[in-house]
Protein backbone atom coordinates (compact mmCIF):
# COMPACT_ATOMS: atom_id res chain seq x y z
CA MET A 1 13.37 195.22 100.97
CA THR A 2 14.79 196.75 97.78
CA LEU A 3 18.52 197.40 97.76
CA LYS A 4 20.27 199.59 95.22
CA VAL A 5 23.60 198.64 93.68
CA HIS A 6 26.24 200.83 95.26
CA ALA A 7 29.29 202.51 93.76
CA PRO A 8 32.55 200.48 93.86
CA GLN A 9 33.95 202.21 96.96
CA ASN A 10 30.76 201.39 98.87
CA ILE A 11 30.73 197.82 97.59
CA ALA A 12 34.30 197.43 98.82
CA ARG A 13 33.40 198.93 102.18
CA LEU A 14 30.68 196.29 102.62
CA PHE A 15 33.13 193.42 102.12
CA ARG A 16 33.38 190.96 105.01
CA SER A 17 35.01 187.56 105.41
CA THR A 18 31.78 185.54 105.09
CA PRO A 19 28.54 185.89 103.07
CA GLU A 20 26.54 186.11 106.29
CA GLU A 21 28.62 189.04 107.52
CA VAL A 22 28.23 190.76 104.16
CA LYS A 23 24.47 190.31 104.40
CA LYS A 24 24.43 191.84 107.89
CA ALA A 25 26.53 194.80 106.69
CA ILE A 26 24.14 195.44 103.77
CA ILE A 27 21.08 195.30 106.02
CA LYS A 28 22.77 197.57 108.57
CA LEU A 29 23.53 200.12 105.85
CA TYR A 30 19.98 199.96 104.55
CA ARG A 31 18.52 200.56 108.01
CA ALA A 32 21.01 203.26 108.97
CA LYS A 33 19.78 205.65 106.26
CA PRO A 34 22.81 208.02 106.23
CA PRO A 35 21.71 211.61 106.92
CA PHE A 36 23.58 213.02 103.92
CA SER A 37 25.79 212.01 101.01
CA TYR A 38 29.06 213.40 99.69
CA GLU A 39 27.65 213.76 96.17
CA GLN A 40 27.50 217.53 96.29
CA LEU A 41 31.06 217.66 97.63
CA TYR A 42 32.32 215.63 94.66
CA GLU A 43 30.51 217.99 92.32
CA GLY A 44 31.85 221.10 94.07
CA VAL A 45 35.45 219.89 94.03
CA LEU A 46 35.26 218.87 90.36
CA ARG A 47 33.64 222.13 89.30
CA SER A 48 36.25 224.18 91.18
CA LEU A 49 39.16 222.29 89.62
CA VAL A 50 37.82 222.36 86.06
CA LEU A 51 37.12 226.10 86.32
CA LYS A 52 40.57 226.68 87.88
CA GLU A 53 39.02 228.09 91.02
CA SER A 54 40.58 227.72 94.43
CA LEU A 55 38.97 225.13 96.66
CA ASN A 56 38.98 227.85 99.30
CA ALA A 57 36.23 229.57 97.32
CA TYR A 58 34.11 226.43 97.53
CA ARG A 59 34.94 226.17 101.23
CA ASP A 60 33.52 229.69 101.68
CA ILE A 61 30.29 228.52 100.05
CA VAL A 62 30.03 225.52 102.36
CA GLU A 63 30.77 227.67 105.40
CA SER A 64 27.79 229.86 104.48
CA TRP A 65 25.39 226.93 104.89
CA GLN A 66 23.32 226.55 108.00
CA PRO A 67 25.12 224.54 110.70
CA SER A 68 24.53 220.85 110.06
CA LEU A 69 26.30 217.50 110.01
CA ARG A 70 26.70 217.76 106.24
CA ARG A 71 28.30 221.22 106.51
CA GLU A 72 30.83 220.12 109.13
CA SER A 73 31.60 216.88 107.29
CA TYR A 74 32.21 218.72 104.01
CA LEU A 75 34.49 221.25 105.70
CA ARG A 76 36.47 218.46 107.38
CA ALA A 77 36.99 216.60 104.08
CA LEU A 78 37.82 219.72 102.09
CA LYS A 79 40.96 220.49 104.10
CA PRO A 80 42.95 217.33 103.18
CA THR A 81 41.44 217.39 99.68
CA ALA A 82 42.81 220.88 99.11
CA PHE A 83 46.17 219.74 100.54
CA PHE A 84 46.24 216.92 97.99
CA PHE A 85 45.47 219.04 94.93
CA ASP A 86 47.79 221.86 96.05
CA ASN A 87 50.67 219.36 95.95
CA PHE A 88 49.62 217.21 92.98
CA GLU A 89 51.39 218.38 89.81
CA ARG A 90 49.05 218.29 86.85
CA HIS A 91 48.27 220.25 83.70
CA TYR A 92 44.49 219.91 83.52
CA GLU A 93 41.42 218.06 84.76
CA VAL A 94 38.59 216.61 82.71
CA GLU A 95 35.26 215.33 83.94
CA VAL A 96 34.61 211.60 83.72
CA LEU A 97 30.91 210.86 83.37
CA PRO A 98 29.45 207.91 85.32
CA ARG A 99 29.27 204.65 83.43
CA PRO A 100 27.89 201.22 84.38
CA TYR A 101 30.17 198.39 85.52
CA SER A 102 28.97 194.80 85.69
CA ILE A 103 29.54 193.16 89.08
CA GLY A 104 27.44 190.08 88.40
CA ARG A 105 24.51 188.71 86.44
CA GLY A 106 22.01 191.53 86.08
CA LEU A 107 23.89 193.80 88.49
CA ARG A 108 25.56 196.93 87.21
CA ALA A 109 27.27 199.33 89.58
CA PRO A 110 27.72 203.03 88.77
CA LEU A 111 31.40 203.70 88.14
CA ALA A 112 31.98 207.38 88.82
CA PRO A 113 35.67 208.29 89.13
CA ARG A 114 34.68 211.94 88.62
CA MET A 115 37.85 213.18 86.93
CA GLN A 116 41.03 212.42 85.06
CA CYS A 117 44.10 214.57 85.49
CA GLY A 118 46.76 215.07 82.87
CA THR A 119 50.17 214.92 84.55
CA PRO A 120 53.74 215.10 83.21
CA ARG A 121 53.76 211.27 83.34
CA GLY A 122 50.38 210.50 81.85
CA MET A 123 46.74 210.31 82.89
CA VAL A 124 45.86 209.78 86.54
CA VAL A 125 42.45 209.23 88.14
CA PRO A 126 42.42 210.54 91.71
CA TRP A 127 39.63 208.63 93.48
CA LEU A 128 38.60 210.70 96.50
CA LEU A 129 37.37 208.90 99.62
CA PHE A 130 35.65 211.39 101.89
CA TRP A 131 34.64 209.17 104.82
CA LYS A 132 35.74 210.41 108.23
CA GLU A 133 35.52 207.11 110.11
CA ASN A 134 35.84 203.40 109.25
CA PRO A 135 38.23 203.71 106.29
CA LEU A 136 38.77 200.74 104.02
CA ASN A 137 40.84 197.97 105.55
CA GLU A 138 43.47 196.06 103.56
CA GLU A 139 41.07 193.50 102.09
CA GLN A 140 38.49 196.16 101.20
CA THR A 141 41.17 198.30 99.57
CA ALA A 142 42.31 195.30 97.52
CA LEU A 143 38.74 194.70 96.36
CA LEU A 144 38.26 198.33 95.35
CA HIS A 145 41.50 198.32 93.38
CA SER A 146 40.52 195.09 91.65
CA ILE A 147 37.08 196.41 90.67
CA VAL A 148 38.30 199.78 89.45
CA LEU A 149 41.32 198.54 87.51
CA ASP A 150 39.18 195.90 85.82
CA ALA A 151 36.70 198.60 84.84
CA PHE A 152 39.51 200.81 83.55
CA ALA A 153 40.93 197.96 81.46
CA ASN A 154 37.64 197.63 79.59
CA ASP A 155 37.05 201.34 79.06
CA PRO A 156 38.89 203.09 76.19
CA ASP A 157 38.63 206.43 77.99
CA LEU A 158 40.31 205.13 81.13
CA ASP A 159 42.47 202.17 80.16
CA SER A 160 45.70 204.18 80.11
CA SER A 161 45.07 205.89 83.45
CA LYS A 162 46.83 205.20 86.72
CA LEU A 163 44.57 204.96 89.78
CA MET A 164 45.19 207.00 92.91
CA LEU A 165 43.15 206.45 96.04
CA VAL A 166 43.06 209.59 98.17
CA ASP A 167 41.99 208.71 101.73
CA THR A 168 40.84 211.74 103.76
CA SER A 169 39.66 209.77 106.81
CA SER A 170 40.86 210.98 110.20
CA ARG A 171 43.19 208.02 110.74
CA ALA A 172 44.76 208.45 107.29
CA LEU A 173 46.02 212.00 107.84
CA ASP A 174 49.56 212.72 108.94
CA GLN A 175 50.47 215.47 111.39
CA SER A 176 50.51 218.10 108.64
CA GLY A 177 47.01 217.12 107.43
CA LYS A 178 48.24 215.31 104.33
CA PRO A 179 45.87 212.53 103.22
CA ARG A 180 47.09 209.01 102.54
CA VAL A 181 47.55 208.43 98.81
CA LEU A 182 47.82 204.97 97.26
CA LEU A 183 48.94 204.48 93.67
CA ALA A 184 48.08 201.33 91.70
CA ARG A 185 49.53 200.22 88.38
CA LYS A 186 48.20 197.67 85.90
CA SER A 187 51.27 195.45 86.16
CA HIS A 188 51.19 195.38 89.96
CA PRO A 189 47.69 196.48 91.01
CA TYR A 190 47.99 195.28 94.60
CA PRO A 191 49.34 196.03 97.05
CA PRO A 192 49.30 199.67 95.92
CA ARG A 193 52.24 201.89 96.72
CA GLU A 194 51.87 204.70 99.20
CA CYS A 195 52.61 207.75 97.11
CA ASP A 196 54.09 211.13 97.98
CA LEU A 197 52.90 212.59 94.65
CA CYS A 198 56.40 212.85 93.22
CA LEU A 199 56.98 212.30 89.50
CA MET A 200 59.10 209.19 90.11
CA CYS A 201 56.11 207.58 91.81
CA LEU A 202 53.76 208.49 89.00
CA SER A 203 56.15 207.17 86.40
CA GLY A 204 56.22 203.79 88.10
CA VAL A 205 59.86 203.91 89.19
CA THR A 206 60.52 201.74 92.26
């Protein structure tokens, strides 16, 4: 059985309390063979933002697809994603190309934060999590923050950026459809603060 090295958010999602449980989770993922990926959704959201197009235009494109699990899953994730960007004050977005991140001897994971946003308080990387079910638990979130902030610290393009996790899972949404947003800083990477996207939060004021 050949296993690929997953992106950091998927590595974190596979974390369990014992090596044996991790092994079982990896094998389960390998055998499950997910019917689709969110790769095209990441690309569509990024393209829309960089071109200053409304995410509603991309939603119209997705709605034109033939009915499928991917179509419905994309539409579900787009609603809280649009809510986030409609309320996130920023001046511009730039694409961040994937780069390798070492997670062990001979193992390099693809680090693909997708975009950086210039805000009134500096650069922010919004890391979108599109899963509907089984969101990251506290330990998995801590692992993801640790991996990503370590990668940022060793990357001159990202080392000054704050990390925002944007959780669009069903359990993370409030009654208005707002996704859960967690902000991490270098000085206090974990636990991350739940963020309401205000400028005080982005500036690190407590």
